Amino acid sequence: FKMAVADRSSAREMYQKDSWLQKAFAIFFLLAWCALTFVMLNYFIFDTIQLDDWQIAFVSSINGGISTKLSTIIDFLFGGAISGVNDVKLKNRRKK
């Protein structure tokens, strides 16, 4: 448990500052997701563009992959599902 806490502590120090590359990736994936969602909305909802079946499958699979990556980026930037990691208190060991 001590090793896991030490590992998290060093990771926090390592990622205190975001590099330009991290920001560029986050912006790229956000813009790509918005563009593909726009294409899918125009096809499925508004019926303003025509796509072949293979194009629909391609756009849908790319959008699914980008959605997963965008979710990972958001979890990293704003915290994941685990909250209160810093507030972990160790239980006192029982004396035998």
N, C-alpha and C. Protein backbone atom coordinates (compact mmCIF):
# COMPACT_ATOMS: atom_id res chain seq x y z
N PHE A 1 0.83 -1.19 0.00
CA PHE A 1 0.00 0.00 0.00
C PHE A 1 0.87 1.26 0.00
N LYS A 2 1.97 1.21 0.77
CA LYS A 2 2.87 2.37 0.81
C LYS A 2 3.49 2.63 -0.56
N MET A 3 3.80 1.55 -1.29
CA MET A 3 4.39 1.71 -2.62
C MET A 3 3.37 2.35 -3.57
N ALA A 4 2.11 1.95 -3.47
CA ALA A 4 1.07 2.52 -4.33
C ALA A 4 0.88 4.00 -4.05
N VAL A 5 0.89 4.38 -2.78
CA VAL A 5 0.75 5.78 -2.41
C VAL A 5 1.95 6.59 -2.89
N ALA A 6 3.15 6.03 -2.75
CA ALA A 6 4.35 6.72 -3.22
C ALA A 6 4.33 6.88 -4.74
N ASP A 7 3.82 5.88 -5.45
CA ASP A 7 3.73 5.95 -6.90
C ASP A 7 2.77 7.06 -7.32
N ARG A 8 1.63 7.14 -6.66
CA ARG A 8 0.66 8.21 -6.97
C ARG A 8 1.27 9.58 -6.67
N SER A 9 2.02 9.67 -5.60
CA SER A 9 2.63 10.94 -5.21
C SER A 9 3.62 11.40 -6.28
N SER A 10 4.45 10.49 -6.77
CA SER A 10 5.41 10.88 -7.80
C SER A 10 4.70 11.22 -9.11
N ALA A 11 3.58 10.56 -9.40
CA ALA A 11 2.83 10.86 -10.62
C ALA A 11 2.21 12.25 -10.53
N ARG A 12 1.76 12.63 -9.34
CA ARG A 12 1.22 13.98 -9.17
C ARG A 12 2.28 15.03 -9.43
N GLU A 13 3.49 14.80 -8.93
CA GLU A 13 4.57 15.75 -9.16
C GLU A 13 4.93 15.82 -10.64
N MET A 14 4.90 14.68 -11.31
CA MET A 14 5.28 14.62 -12.72
C MET A 14 4.28 15.39 -13.59
N TYR A 15 3.00 15.36 -13.23
CA TYR A 15 1.97 15.96 -14.06
C TYR A 15 1.41 17.25 -13.47
N GLN A 16 2.21 17.97 -12.68
CA GLN A 16 1.74 19.23 -12.14
C GLN A 16 1.55 20.27 -13.25
N LYS A 17 2.40 20.24 -14.25
CA LYS A 17 2.29 21.17 -15.37
C LYS A 17 1.98 20.38 -16.63
N ASP A 18 1.01 20.87 -17.40
CA ASP A 18 0.68 20.25 -18.68
C ASP A 18 1.61 20.78 -19.76
N SER A 19 2.10 19.89 -20.60
CA SER A 19 2.96 20.33 -21.70
C SER A 19 2.07 20.79 -22.87
N TRP A 20 2.67 21.45 -23.82
CA TRP A 20 1.92 21.91 -24.98
C TRP A 20 1.39 20.73 -25.79
N LEU A 21 2.10 19.61 -25.75
CA LEU A 21 1.66 18.43 -26.50
C LEU A 21 0.38 17.85 -25.91
N GLN A 22 0.28 17.81 -24.59
CA GLN A 22 -0.94 17.33 -23.96
C GLN A 22 -2.12 18.21 -24.32
N LYS A 23 -1.92 19.51 -24.29
CA LYS A 23 -2.99 20.45 -24.64
C LYS A 23 -3.38 20.31 -26.10
N ALA A 24 -2.39 20.13 -26.99
CA ALA A 24 -2.67 19.97 -28.41
C ALA A 24 -3.47 18.70 -28.68
N PHE A 25 -3.10 17.59 -28.02
CA PHE A 25 -3.86 16.35 -28.18
C PHE A 25 -5.29 16.51 -27.69
N ALA A 26 -5.45 17.15 -26.54
CA ALA A 26 -6.80 17.33 -25.99
C ALA A 26 -7.66 18.16 -26.94
N ILE A 27 -7.09 19.23 -27.47
CA ILE A 27 -7.84 20.08 -28.40
C ILE A 27 -8.13 19.34 -29.70
N PHE A 28 -7.14 18.60 -30.21
CA PHE A 28 -7.35 17.84 -31.45
C PHE A 28 -8.48 16.82 -31.30
N PHE A 29 -8.46 16.03 -30.23
CA PHE A 29 -9.49 15.03 -30.05
C PHE A 29 -10.86 15.66 -29.81
N LEU A 30 -10.91 16.79 -29.13
CA LEU A 30 -12.18 17.48 -28.94
C LEU A 30 -12.73 17.99 -30.26
N LEU A 31 -11.88 18.61 -31.08
CA LEU A 31 -12.33 19.12 -32.38
C LEU A 31 -12.72 17.98 -33.33
N ALA A 32 -11.96 16.90 -33.32
CA ALA A 32 -12.28 15.75 -34.17
C ALA A 32 -13.61 15.13 -33.75
N TRP A 33 -13.83 15.02 -32.45
CA TRP A 33 -15.10 14.47 -31.96
C TRP A 33 -16.27 15.37 -32.36
N CYS A 34 -16.09 16.68 -32.22
CA CYS A 34 -17.15 17.63 -32.61
C CYS A 34 -17.44 17.53 -34.11
N ALA A 35 -16.41 17.44 -34.94
CA ALA A 35 -16.60 17.36 -36.39
C ALA A 35 -17.31 16.07 -36.78
N LEU A 36 -16.88 14.95 -36.22
CA LEU A 36 -17.53 13.69 -36.56
C LEU A 36 -18.95 13.62 -36.02
N THR A 37 -19.20 14.19 -34.87
CA THR A 37 -20.56 14.23 -34.34
C THR A 37 -21.44 15.09 -35.23
N PHE A 38 -20.90 16.19 -35.74
CA PHE A 38 -21.63 17.05 -36.68
C PHE A 38 -22.00 16.28 -37.94
N VAL A 39 -21.05 15.52 -38.49
CA VAL A 39 -21.31 14.71 -39.68
C VAL A 39 -22.40 13.67 -39.39
N MET A 40 -22.30 13.00 -38.25
CA MET A 40 -23.29 11.98 -37.92
C MET A 40 -24.67 12.59 -37.69
N LEU A 41 -24.74 13.74 -37.05
CA LEU A 41 -26.04 14.41 -36.87
C LEU A 41 -26.64 14.81 -38.21
N ASN A 42 -25.80 15.34 -39.11
CA ASN A 42 -26.31 15.72 -40.43
C ASN A 42 -26.80 14.53 -41.22
N TYR A 43 -26.21 13.38 -41.02
CA TYR A 43 -26.67 12.19 -41.75
C TYR A 43 -27.90 11.57 -41.10
N PHE A 44 -27.82 11.28 -39.81
CA PHE A 44 -28.88 10.54 -39.16
C PHE A 44 -30.10 11.38 -38.81
N ILE A 45 -29.91 12.60 -38.37
CA ILE A 45 -31.03 13.41 -37.89
C ILE A 45 -31.57 14.34 -38.98
N PHE A 46 -30.69 15.14 -39.57
CA PHE A 46 -31.15 16.17 -40.50
C PHE A 46 -31.22 15.69 -41.95
N ASP A 47 -30.60 14.57 -42.26
CA ASP A 47 -30.63 13.97 -43.60
C ASP A 47 -30.17 14.96 -44.68
N THR A 48 -29.11 15.73 -44.38
CA THR A 48 -28.62 16.73 -45.33
C THR A 48 -27.44 16.23 -46.16
N ILE A 49 -26.83 15.12 -45.77
CA ILE A 49 -25.74 14.56 -46.56
C ILE A 49 -26.04 13.10 -46.86
N GLN A 50 -25.44 12.60 -47.92
CA GLN A 50 -25.60 11.20 -48.30
C GLN A 50 -24.27 10.49 -48.12
N LEU A 51 -24.30 9.36 -47.43
CA LEU A 51 -23.10 8.56 -47.21
C LEU A 51 -23.38 7.12 -47.62
N ASP A 52 -22.34 6.47 -48.13
CA ASP A 52 -22.44 5.03 -48.41
C ASP A 52 -22.36 4.26 -47.09
N ASP A 53 -22.71 2.99 -47.14
CA ASP A 53 -22.68 2.16 -45.93
C ASP A 53 -21.28 2.08 -45.33
N TRP A 54 -20.26 1.93 -46.18
CA TRP A 54 -18.90 1.84 -45.65
C TRP A 54 -18.47 3.15 -45.01
N GLN A 55 -18.94 4.28 -45.53
CA GLN A 55 -18.59 5.57 -44.94
C GLN A 55 -19.25 5.75 -43.57
N ILE A 56 -20.48 5.28 -43.45
CA ILE A 56 -21.18 5.35 -42.16
C ILE A 56 -20.45 4.51 -41.12
N ALA A 57 -20.06 3.30 -41.53
CA ALA A 57 -19.33 2.41 -40.61
C ALA A 57 -17.99 3.02 -40.23
N PHE A 58 -17.30 3.62 -41.19
CA PHE A 58 -15.99 4.23 -40.93
C PHE A 58 -16.12 5.41 -39.96
N VAL A 59 -17.05 6.32 -40.22
CA VAL A 59 -17.24 7.49 -39.37
C VAL A 59 -17.68 7.06 -37.97
N SER A 60 -18.57 6.07 -37.89
CA SER A 60 -19.05 5.60 -36.59
C SER A 60 -17.94 4.97 -35.76
N SER A 61 -17.09 4.16 -36.40
CA SER A 61 -16.02 3.52 -35.64
C SER A 61 -14.95 4.53 -35.22
N ILE A 62 -14.63 5.47 -36.09
CA ILE A 62 -13.67 6.51 -35.72
C ILE A 62 -14.25 7.35 -34.58
N ASN A 63 -15.52 7.70 -34.66
CA ASN A 63 -16.16 8.49 -33.61
C ASN A 63 -16.17 7.73 -32.28
N GLY A 64 -16.39 6.43 -32.31
CA GLY A 64 -16.34 5.64 -31.09
C GLY A 64 -14.96 5.63 -30.46
N GLY A 65 -13.93 5.48 -31.28
CA GLY A 65 -12.57 5.51 -30.77
C GLY A 65 -12.18 6.87 -30.21
N ILE A 66 -12.57 7.92 -30.91
CA ILE A 66 -12.26 9.26 -30.44
C ILE A 66 -13.04 9.57 -29.16
N SER A 67 -14.28 9.08 -29.06
CA SER A 67 -15.06 9.29 -27.84
C SER A 67 -14.39 8.64 -26.64
N THR A 68 -13.85 7.46 -26.84
CA THR A 68 -13.14 6.76 -25.76
C THR A 68 -11.90 7.53 -25.35
N LYS A 69 -11.13 8.00 -26.32
CA LYS A 69 -9.92 8.76 -26.02
C LYS A 69 -10.26 10.08 -25.35
N LEU A 70 -11.30 10.74 -25.81
CA LEU A 70 -11.72 12.01 -25.20
C LEU A 70 -12.17 11.79 -23.76
N SER A 71 -12.84 10.69 -23.50
CA SER A 71 -13.24 10.36 -22.14
C SER A 71 -12.02 10.15 -21.24
N THR A 72 -11.00 9.50 -21.77
CA THR A 72 -9.77 9.29 -21.01
C THR A 72 -9.09 10.61 -20.69
N ILE A 73 -9.05 11.51 -21.67
CA ILE A 73 -8.43 12.82 -21.47
C ILE A 73 -9.20 13.62 -20.42
N ILE A 74 -10.52 13.60 -20.50
CA ILE A 74 -11.35 14.32 -19.53
C ILE A 74 -11.16 13.75 -18.13
N ASP A 75 -11.12 12.42 -18.01
CA ASP A 75 -10.87 11.80 -16.71
C ASP A 75 -9.52 12.21 -16.15
N PHE A 76 -8.51 12.29 -17.01
CA PHE A 76 -7.17 12.67 -16.55
C PHE A 76 -7.14 14.12 -16.09
N LEU A 77 -7.76 15.00 -16.87
CA LEU A 77 -7.70 16.43 -16.57
C LEU A 77 -8.56 16.81 -15.37
N PHE A 78 -9.72 16.20 -15.23
CA PHE A 78 -10.66 16.61 -14.19
C PHE A 78 -10.84 15.57 -13.10
N GLY A 79 -10.06 14.51 -13.11
CA GLY A 79 -10.18 13.48 -12.09
C GLY A 79 -11.08 12.36 -12.58
N GLY A 80 -10.70 11.17 -12.24
CA GLY A 80 -11.46 10.01 -12.69
C GLY A 80 -12.59 9.68 -11.75
N ALA A 81 -12.97 8.43 -11.76
CA ALA A 81 -14.09 7.97 -10.95
C ALA A 81 -13.72 7.86 -9.48
N ILE A 82 -12.43 7.78 -9.19
CA ILE A 82 -12.00 7.63 -7.80
C ILE A 82 -11.84 9.02 -7.20
N SER A 83 -12.65 9.33 -6.22
CA SER A 83 -12.52 10.63 -5.58
C SER A 83 -12.01 10.44 -4.16
N GLY A 84 -11.34 11.42 -3.67
CA GLY A 84 -10.85 11.37 -2.31
C GLY A 84 -9.64 10.47 -2.14
N VAL A 85 -8.84 10.31 -3.18
CA VAL A 85 -7.66 9.45 -3.07
C VAL A 85 -6.68 10.03 -2.06
N ASN A 86 -6.63 11.35 -1.98
CA ASN A 86 -5.71 11.99 -1.05
C ASN A 86 -6.16 11.84 0.40
N ASP A 87 -7.41 11.51 0.63
CA ASP A 87 -7.94 11.42 1.98
C ASP A 87 -7.90 10.01 2.56
N VAL A 88 -7.09 9.15 1.97
CA VAL A 88 -7.01 7.77 2.43
C VAL A 88 -6.36 7.74 3.81
N LYS A 89 -7.02 7.08 4.72
CA LYS A 89 -6.46 6.96 6.07
C LYS A 89 -6.18 5.48 6.33
N LEU A 90 -5.03 5.22 6.81
CA LEU A 90 -4.65 3.85 7.11
C LEU A 90 -5.27 3.43 8.44
N LYS A 91 -5.78 2.23 8.47
CA LYS A 91 -6.32 1.71 9.71
C LYS A 91 -5.18 1.33 10.63
N ASN A 92 -5.40 1.52 11.89
CA ASN A 92 -4.38 1.10 12.86
C ASN A 92 -4.31 -0.42 12.88
N ARG A 93 -3.11 -0.92 12.94
CA ARG A 93 -2.95 -2.37 13.01
C ARG A 93 -3.30 -2.86 14.39
N ARG A 94 -3.89 -4.02 14.41
CA ARG A 94 -4.22 -4.64 15.69
C ARG A 94 -2.98 -5.15 16.36
N LYS A 95 -2.90 -4.95 17.60
CA LYS A 95 -1.76 -5.49 18.34
C LYS A 95 -2.10 -6.91 18.75
N LYS A 96 -1.18 -7.81 18.54
CA LYS A 96 -1.42 -9.22 18.84
C LYS A 96 -1.00 -9.55 20.24
